[in-house]
Structures are given as structure tokens and as C-alpha cells.
Amino acid sequence: MELFREFISEYGSTILYAVVTAAAGYLGVVVKRLYTRIINDRTKQDLAKTVVSAVEQIYKDLHGEEKLKKAVEALSEMLGDRGINITELELRMLIESAVAEFNRAFESGSEEEAGKSGLAAVS
């Protein structure tokens, strides 16, 4: 028992520092992974919105699957340039989500326009 007390008194603080340092290092790695995942998800969503807007503007003569193909190509390349990995399914889901958001914004904008026109006609 005396040997154990002597060992703890001599090396206890060193062992404690090593354990605390290892725990802090592990926590740092976990936080960095979480932060990177959140930033990558935001980047993916922002780029999807940008790509959908650009494809709508640039390829006005294309429709449906052709526009989707152009959007998938552009988004895949832009994310690849940033070193962000993405699956084909995730690409399509992000693009479809951005398209739905633009459609909702367009529809609500059209309703506001119609409402203004209706009020102007009544006045």
C-alpha cells in the first residue's frame, strides 16, 4: 500500500495531466469534425441555390431534365473545387430543394403582385 501512495504522489499529477490533455485533444477533434460538417452543409445549400439561380438565368432555352443535368454538373464541380464530397442523391436533393424554394418565392411574389393589381383595380 505504501508503494502505491508513493507512486501516486510522485506520478499522479503527470498522469492526470496526460489524461486531461488526451481528453482535450479528443474533444477538439470532435468539435472540428462537427464544425466542418455544419459549414459543409451550409456551403452545399448556398451553392445549390446559386447554381439553380444561375442555371435558370443562363439556360432559359432548356427545360426539366436538361436543366437538372446542367445544375448537377455545375454543383458537383463547384463542391469538388472546395474539396467537399457529395453523393449523386444528395446533389439531386439539394437542387430540388433549391428549386422548390425558388418556386415558393416566385409563387408568393406572384400572389403579392396579383393582390396589388387587384387593389389598384378596385380603388
N, C-alpha and C. Protein backbone atom coordinates (compact mmCIF):
# COMPACT_ATOMS: atom_id res chain seq x y z
N MET A 1 0.82 -1.19 0.00
CA MET A 1 0.00 0.00 0.00
C MET A 1 0.87 1.26 0.00
N GLU A 2 1.95 1.20 0.74
CA GLU A 2 2.87 2.34 0.80
C GLU A 2 3.47 2.62 -0.58
N LEU A 3 3.76 1.58 -1.30
CA LEU A 3 4.33 1.72 -2.65
C LEU A 3 3.35 2.44 -3.58
N PHE A 4 2.08 2.09 -3.46
CA PHE A 4 1.03 2.72 -4.29
C PHE A 4 0.92 4.22 -3.97
N ARG A 5 0.93 4.58 -2.69
CA ARG A 5 0.85 6.00 -2.29
C ARG A 5 2.06 6.77 -2.81
N GLU A 6 3.19 6.16 -2.71
CA GLU A 6 4.41 6.82 -3.19
C GLU A 6 4.35 7.03 -4.71
N PHE A 7 3.88 6.01 -5.41
CA PHE A 7 3.73 6.11 -6.88
C PHE A 7 2.76 7.24 -7.25
N ILE A 8 1.60 7.30 -6.58
CA ILE A 8 0.60 8.33 -6.87
C ILE A 8 1.13 9.71 -6.53
N SER A 9 1.81 9.85 -5.40
CA SER A 9 2.32 11.17 -5.02
C SER A 9 3.40 11.64 -5.99
N GLU A 10 4.16 10.71 -6.53
CA GLU A 10 5.23 11.10 -7.44
C GLU A 10 4.73 11.31 -8.87
N TYR A 11 3.87 10.41 -9.38
CA TYR A 11 3.47 10.45 -10.78
C TYR A 11 2.00 10.81 -11.00
N GLY A 12 1.25 11.00 -9.95
CA GLY A 12 -0.18 11.26 -10.07
C GLY A 12 -0.51 12.48 -10.90
N SER A 13 0.18 13.59 -10.64
CA SER A 13 -0.12 14.82 -11.40
C SER A 13 0.28 14.66 -12.87
N THR A 14 1.35 13.97 -13.14
CA THR A 14 1.78 13.74 -14.52
C THR A 14 0.75 12.90 -15.26
N ILE A 15 0.26 11.86 -14.61
CA ILE A 15 -0.77 11.01 -15.22
C ILE A 15 -2.04 11.81 -15.45
N LEU A 16 -2.43 12.62 -14.45
CA LEU A 16 -3.63 13.44 -14.58
C LEU A 16 -3.49 14.42 -15.75
N TYR A 17 -2.35 15.07 -15.88
CA TYR A 17 -2.13 15.99 -16.99
C TYR A 17 -2.23 15.27 -18.34
N ALA A 18 -1.68 14.09 -18.41
CA ALA A 18 -1.73 13.32 -19.66
C ALA A 18 -3.17 12.96 -20.02
N VAL A 19 -3.95 12.55 -19.03
CA VAL A 19 -5.35 12.19 -19.28
C VAL A 19 -6.15 13.42 -19.71
N VAL A 20 -5.95 14.54 -19.01
CA VAL A 20 -6.67 15.77 -19.36
C VAL A 20 -6.27 16.24 -20.76
N THR A 21 -5.00 16.17 -21.09
CA THR A 21 -4.54 16.57 -22.42
C THR A 21 -5.14 15.68 -23.51
N ALA A 22 -5.19 14.39 -23.27
CA ALA A 22 -5.78 13.46 -24.24
C ALA A 22 -7.27 13.75 -24.41
N ALA A 23 -7.97 14.00 -23.31
CA ALA A 23 -9.41 14.29 -23.39
C ALA A 23 -9.65 15.60 -24.15
N ALA A 24 -8.84 16.61 -23.87
CA ALA A 24 -8.99 17.89 -24.57
C ALA A 24 -8.69 17.74 -26.06
N GLY A 25 -7.68 16.96 -26.39
CA GLY A 25 -7.36 16.71 -27.80
C GLY A 25 -8.48 16.00 -28.52
N TYR A 26 -9.06 15.00 -27.88
CA TYR A 26 -10.18 14.27 -28.47
C TYR A 26 -11.38 15.18 -28.65
N LEU A 27 -11.67 15.99 -27.64
CA LEU A 27 -12.79 16.92 -27.73
C LEU A 27 -12.57 17.92 -28.87
N GLY A 28 -11.34 18.37 -29.04
CA GLY A 28 -11.02 19.28 -30.13
C GLY A 28 -11.28 18.66 -31.50
N VAL A 29 -10.91 17.41 -31.66
CA VAL A 29 -11.13 16.70 -32.92
C VAL A 29 -12.62 16.55 -33.20
N VAL A 30 -13.39 16.20 -32.18
CA VAL A 30 -14.84 16.03 -32.34
C VAL A 30 -15.49 17.36 -32.72
N VAL A 31 -15.11 18.43 -32.04
CA VAL A 31 -15.68 19.75 -32.33
C VAL A 31 -15.32 20.18 -33.74
N LYS A 32 -14.09 19.93 -34.17
CA LYS A 32 -13.68 20.31 -35.52
C LYS A 32 -14.48 19.55 -36.57
N ARG A 33 -14.70 18.25 -36.36
CA ARG A 33 -15.50 17.47 -37.31
C ARG A 33 -16.92 18.00 -37.40
N LEU A 34 -17.51 18.29 -36.25
CA LEU A 34 -18.87 18.81 -36.22
C LEU A 34 -18.95 20.17 -36.92
N TYR A 35 -18.00 21.04 -36.63
CA TYR A 35 -17.95 22.36 -37.26
C TYR A 35 -17.80 22.23 -38.78
N THR A 36 -16.90 21.35 -39.21
CA THR A 36 -16.68 21.15 -40.65
C THR A 36 -17.94 20.62 -41.32
N ARG A 37 -18.63 19.70 -40.67
CA ARG A 37 -19.86 19.15 -41.23
C ARG A 37 -20.93 20.24 -41.38
N ILE A 38 -21.08 21.08 -40.36
CA ILE A 38 -22.07 22.16 -40.41
C ILE A 38 -21.72 23.15 -41.51
N ILE A 39 -20.47 23.55 -41.58
CA ILE A 39 -20.03 24.51 -42.61
C ILE A 39 -20.21 23.91 -44.00
N ASN A 40 -19.85 22.64 -44.17
CA ASN A 40 -20.01 21.99 -45.48
C ASN A 40 -21.48 21.91 -45.88
N ASP A 41 -22.36 21.61 -44.93
CA ASP A 41 -23.80 21.56 -45.24
C ASP A 41 -24.31 22.92 -45.67
N ARG A 42 -23.90 23.96 -44.96
CA ARG A 42 -24.32 25.33 -45.34
C ARG A 42 -23.77 25.69 -46.72
N THR A 43 -22.52 25.34 -46.95
CA THR A 43 -21.90 25.63 -48.24
C THR A 43 -22.64 24.91 -49.35
N LYS A 44 -22.99 23.65 -49.13
CA LYS A 44 -23.74 22.88 -50.13
C LYS A 44 -25.07 23.55 -50.44
N GLN A 45 -25.80 23.96 -49.41
CA GLN A 45 -27.10 24.59 -49.61
C GLN A 45 -26.96 25.92 -50.33
N ASP A 46 -26.00 26.73 -49.92
CA ASP A 46 -25.80 28.03 -50.56
C ASP A 46 -25.40 27.87 -52.03
N LEU A 47 -24.49 26.93 -52.29
CA LEU A 47 -24.08 26.71 -53.68
C LEU A 47 -25.22 26.15 -54.52
N ALA A 48 -26.06 25.31 -53.94
CA ALA A 48 -27.20 24.77 -54.68
C ALA A 48 -28.13 25.91 -55.09
N LYS A 49 -28.39 26.85 -54.19
CA LYS A 49 -29.24 27.99 -54.52
C LYS A 49 -28.61 28.84 -55.62
N THR A 50 -27.31 29.05 -55.52
CA THR A 50 -26.60 29.83 -56.53
C THR A 50 -26.66 29.14 -57.89
N VAL A 51 -26.42 27.84 -57.89
CA VAL A 51 -26.42 27.07 -59.14
C VAL A 51 -27.80 27.08 -59.78
N VAL A 52 -28.84 26.86 -58.99
CA VAL A 52 -30.20 26.84 -59.53
C VAL A 52 -30.54 28.20 -60.13
N SER A 53 -30.20 29.26 -59.43
CA SER A 53 -30.46 30.60 -59.94
C SER A 53 -29.69 30.85 -61.24
N ALA A 54 -28.43 30.44 -61.27
CA ALA A 54 -27.62 30.64 -62.46
C ALA A 54 -28.13 29.81 -63.64
N VAL A 55 -28.49 28.57 -63.38
CA VAL A 55 -29.00 27.71 -64.46
C VAL A 55 -30.29 28.29 -65.02
N GLU A 56 -31.16 28.78 -64.14
CA GLU A 56 -32.41 29.41 -64.61
C GLU A 56 -32.10 30.61 -65.49
N GLN A 57 -31.08 31.37 -65.14
CA GLN A 57 -30.73 32.58 -65.88
C GLN A 57 -30.01 32.26 -67.19
N ILE A 58 -29.07 31.34 -67.13
CA ILE A 58 -28.21 31.07 -68.29
C ILE A 58 -28.89 30.18 -69.33
N TYR A 59 -29.57 29.14 -68.86
CA TYR A 59 -30.13 28.13 -69.77
C TYR A 59 -31.64 28.27 -69.87
N LYS A 60 -32.11 29.42 -70.31
CA LYS A 60 -33.55 29.68 -70.41
C LYS A 60 -34.21 28.78 -71.46
N ASP A 61 -33.43 28.36 -72.46
CA ASP A 61 -34.00 27.54 -73.53
C ASP A 61 -34.08 26.05 -73.15
N LEU A 62 -33.46 25.65 -72.05
CA LEU A 62 -33.51 24.25 -71.60
C LEU A 62 -34.67 24.06 -70.62
N HIS A 63 -35.12 22.81 -70.50
CA HIS A 63 -36.23 22.52 -69.59
C HIS A 63 -35.98 21.21 -68.87
N GLY A 64 -36.59 21.04 -67.71
CA GLY A 64 -36.64 19.79 -66.96
C GLY A 64 -35.31 19.11 -66.75
N GLU A 65 -35.19 17.90 -67.29
CA GLU A 65 -34.01 17.07 -67.08
C GLU A 65 -32.74 17.72 -67.60
N GLU A 66 -32.83 18.49 -68.69
CA GLU A 66 -31.64 19.14 -69.23
C GLU A 66 -31.10 20.17 -68.24
N LYS A 67 -32.01 20.96 -67.64
CA LYS A 67 -31.58 21.94 -66.64
C LYS A 67 -31.03 21.22 -65.41
N LEU A 68 -31.68 20.15 -65.01
CA LEU A 68 -31.21 19.39 -63.85
C LEU A 68 -29.81 18.86 -64.09
N LYS A 69 -29.56 18.36 -65.29
CA LYS A 69 -28.24 17.83 -65.64
C LYS A 69 -27.18 18.94 -65.55
N LYS A 70 -27.49 20.11 -66.09
CA LYS A 70 -26.56 21.24 -66.02
C LYS A 70 -26.31 21.65 -64.57
N ALA A 71 -27.36 21.67 -63.77
CA ALA A 71 -27.22 22.04 -62.36
C ALA A 71 -26.37 21.03 -61.60
N VAL A 72 -26.59 19.74 -61.87
CA VAL A 72 -25.81 18.69 -61.21
C VAL A 72 -24.34 18.82 -61.58
N GLU A 73 -24.06 19.04 -62.86
CA GLU A 73 -22.68 19.20 -63.31
C GLU A 73 -22.01 20.39 -62.62
N ALA A 74 -22.70 21.53 -62.61
CA ALA A 74 -22.12 22.74 -62.04
C ALA A 74 -21.90 22.60 -60.54
N LEU A 75 -22.91 22.10 -59.83
CA LEU A 75 -22.79 21.97 -58.38
C LEU A 75 -21.71 20.96 -58.01
N SER A 76 -21.65 19.86 -58.73
CA SER A 76 -20.64 18.84 -58.47
C SER A 76 -19.24 19.42 -58.64
N GLU A 77 -19.05 20.18 -59.70
CA GLU A 77 -17.74 20.78 -59.95
C GLU A 77 -17.38 21.82 -58.89
N MET A 78 -18.34 22.66 -58.53
CA MET A 78 -18.08 23.70 -57.53
C MET A 78 -17.75 23.10 -56.17
N LEU A 79 -18.46 22.07 -55.78
CA LEU A 79 -18.18 21.42 -54.50
C LEU A 79 -16.84 20.68 -54.55
N GLY A 80 -16.55 20.06 -55.69
CA GLY A 80 -15.27 19.37 -55.85
C GLY A 80 -14.10 20.33 -55.73
N ASP A 81 -14.25 21.53 -56.28
CA ASP A 81 -13.20 22.54 -56.18
C ASP A 81 -12.93 22.93 -54.73
N ARG A 82 -13.96 22.84 -53.90
CA ARG A 82 -13.82 23.19 -52.48
C ARG A 82 -13.45 21.97 -51.63
N GLY A 83 -13.29 20.82 -52.26
CA GLY A 83 -12.90 19.62 -51.54
C GLY A 83 -14.03 19.01 -50.71
N ILE A 84 -15.28 19.29 -51.10
CA ILE A 84 -16.43 18.77 -50.37
C ILE A 84 -16.98 17.58 -51.14
N ASN A 85 -17.04 16.44 -50.49
CA ASN A 85 -17.57 15.22 -51.10
C ASN A 85 -19.08 15.21 -51.00
N ILE A 86 -19.74 14.71 -52.04
CA ILE A 86 -21.20 14.66 -52.06
C ILE A 86 -21.64 13.50 -52.94
N THR A 87 -22.74 12.88 -52.57
CA THR A 87 -23.27 11.78 -53.37
C THR A 87 -24.20 12.34 -54.45
N GLU A 88 -24.47 11.51 -55.44
CA GLU A 88 -25.37 11.90 -56.52
C GLU A 88 -26.77 12.19 -55.98
N LEU A 89 -27.21 11.36 -55.04
CA LEU A 89 -28.54 11.56 -54.44
C LEU A 89 -28.60 12.89 -53.69
N GLU A 90 -27.57 13.19 -52.92
CA GLU A 90 -27.55 14.44 -52.17
C GLU A 90 -27.53 15.64 -53.12
N LEU A 91 -26.79 15.52 -54.23
CA LEU A 91 -26.78 16.58 -55.24
C LEU A 91 -28.19 16.86 -55.74
N ARG A 92 -28.87 15.81 -56.13
CA ARG A 92 -30.23 15.97 -56.67
C ARG A 92 -31.18 16.54 -55.62
N MET A 93 -31.07 16.07 -54.38
CA MET A 93 -31.95 16.56 -53.32
C MET A 93 -31.71 18.04 -53.04
N LEU A 94 -30.45 18.45 -53.00
CA LEU A 94 -30.14 19.87 -52.77
C LEU A 94 -30.68 20.74 -53.90
N ILE A 95 -30.53 20.28 -55.12
CA ILE A 95 -31.01 21.05 -56.27
C ILE A 95 -32.53 21.13 -56.25
N GLU A 96 -33.19 20.01 -56.02
CA GLU A 96 -34.66 20.01 -55.98
C GLU A 96 -35.17 20.89 -54.85
N SER A 97 -34.50 20.87 -53.73
CA SER A 97 -34.88 21.72 -52.60
C SER A 97 -34.74 23.20 -52.96
N ALA A 98 -33.65 23.55 -53.62
CA ALA A 98 -33.44 24.94 -54.03
C ALA A 98 -34.49 25.35 -55.06
N VAL A 99 -34.82 24.46 -55.98
CA VAL A 99 -35.85 24.76 -56.98
C VAL A 99 -37.19 24.98 -56.30
N ALA A 100 -37.53 24.13 -55.35
CA ALA A 100 -38.80 24.27 -54.62
C ALA A 100 -38.84 25.60 -53.88
N GLU A 101 -37.73 25.98 -53.29
CA GLU A 101 -37.67 27.27 -52.57
C GLU A 101 -37.86 28.44 -53.53
N PHE A 102 -37.23 28.37 -54.70
CA PHE A 102 -37.42 29.43 -55.69
C PHE A 102 -38.85 29.46 -56.19
N ASN A 103 -39.45 28.30 -56.40
CA ASN A 103 -40.84 28.26 -56.85
C ASN A 103 -41.78 28.86 -55.81
N ARG A 104 -41.55 28.55 -54.53
CA ARG A 104 -42.38 29.13 -53.47
C ARG A 104 -42.22 30.64 -53.43
N ALA A 105 -41.00 31.12 -53.56
CA ALA A 105 -40.75 32.56 -53.56
C ALA A 105 -41.41 33.21 -54.77
N PHE A 106 -41.33 32.54 -55.91
CA PHE A 106 -41.94 33.08 -57.13
C PHE A 106 -43.46 33.13 -56.99
N GLU A 107 -44.04 32.05 -56.45
CA GLU A 107 -45.49 31.99 -56.28
C GLU A 107 -45.97 33.04 -55.29
N SER A 108 -45.26 33.22 -54.18
CA SER A 108 -45.68 34.23 -53.21
C SER A 108 -45.49 35.62 -53.79
N GLY A 109 -44.47 35.81 -54.61
CA GLY A 109 -44.28 37.09 -55.29
C GLY A 109 -45.39 37.35 -56.29
N SER A 110 -45.84 36.31 -56.99
CA SER A 110 -46.93 36.45 -57.95
C SER A 110 -48.23 36.76 -57.23
N GLU A 111 -48.46 36.16 -56.06
CA GLU A 111 -49.68 36.43 -55.30
C GLU A 111 -49.68 37.87 -54.81
N GLU A 112 -48.52 38.37 -54.38
CA GLU A 112 -48.43 39.76 -53.95
C GLU A 112 -48.70 40.70 -55.12
N GLU A 113 -48.14 40.37 -56.28
CA GLU A 113 -48.37 41.19 -57.48
C GLU A 113 -49.85 41.19 -57.83
N ALA A 114 -50.48 40.02 -57.78
CA ALA A 114 -51.90 39.92 -58.10
C ALA A 114 -52.72 40.71 -57.09
N GLY A 115 -52.34 40.63 -55.83
CA GLY A 115 -53.04 41.37 -54.79
C GLY A 115 -52.92 42.87 -55.00
N LYS A 116 -51.76 43.33 -55.37
CA LYS A 116 -51.56 44.76 -55.63
C LYS A 116 -52.37 45.19 -56.84
N SER A 117 -52.37 44.36 -57.87
CA SER A 117 -53.13 44.69 -59.07
C SER A 117 -54.61 44.74 -58.76
N GLY A 118 -55.08 43.79 -57.95
CA GLY A 118 -56.49 43.74 -57.59
C GLY A 118 -56.89 44.96 -56.78
N LEU A 119 -56.05 45.38 -55.87
CA LEU A 119 -56.35 46.56 -55.07
C LEU A 119 -56.34 47.81 -55.93
N ALA A 120 -55.42 47.87 -56.85
CA ALA A 120 -55.35 49.05 -57.72
C ALA A 120 -56.58 49.13 -58.60
N ALA A 121 -57.07 47.99 -59.04
CA ALA A 121 -58.24 47.98 -59.91
C ALA A 121 -59.49 48.37 -59.15
N VAL A 122 -59.57 48.00 -57.86
CA VAL A 122 -60.75 48.30 -57.06
C VAL A 122 -60.78 49.78 -56.70
N SER A 123 -59.61 50.37 -56.44
CA SER A 123 -59.55 51.77 -56.00
C SER A 123 -60.00 52.72 -57.01
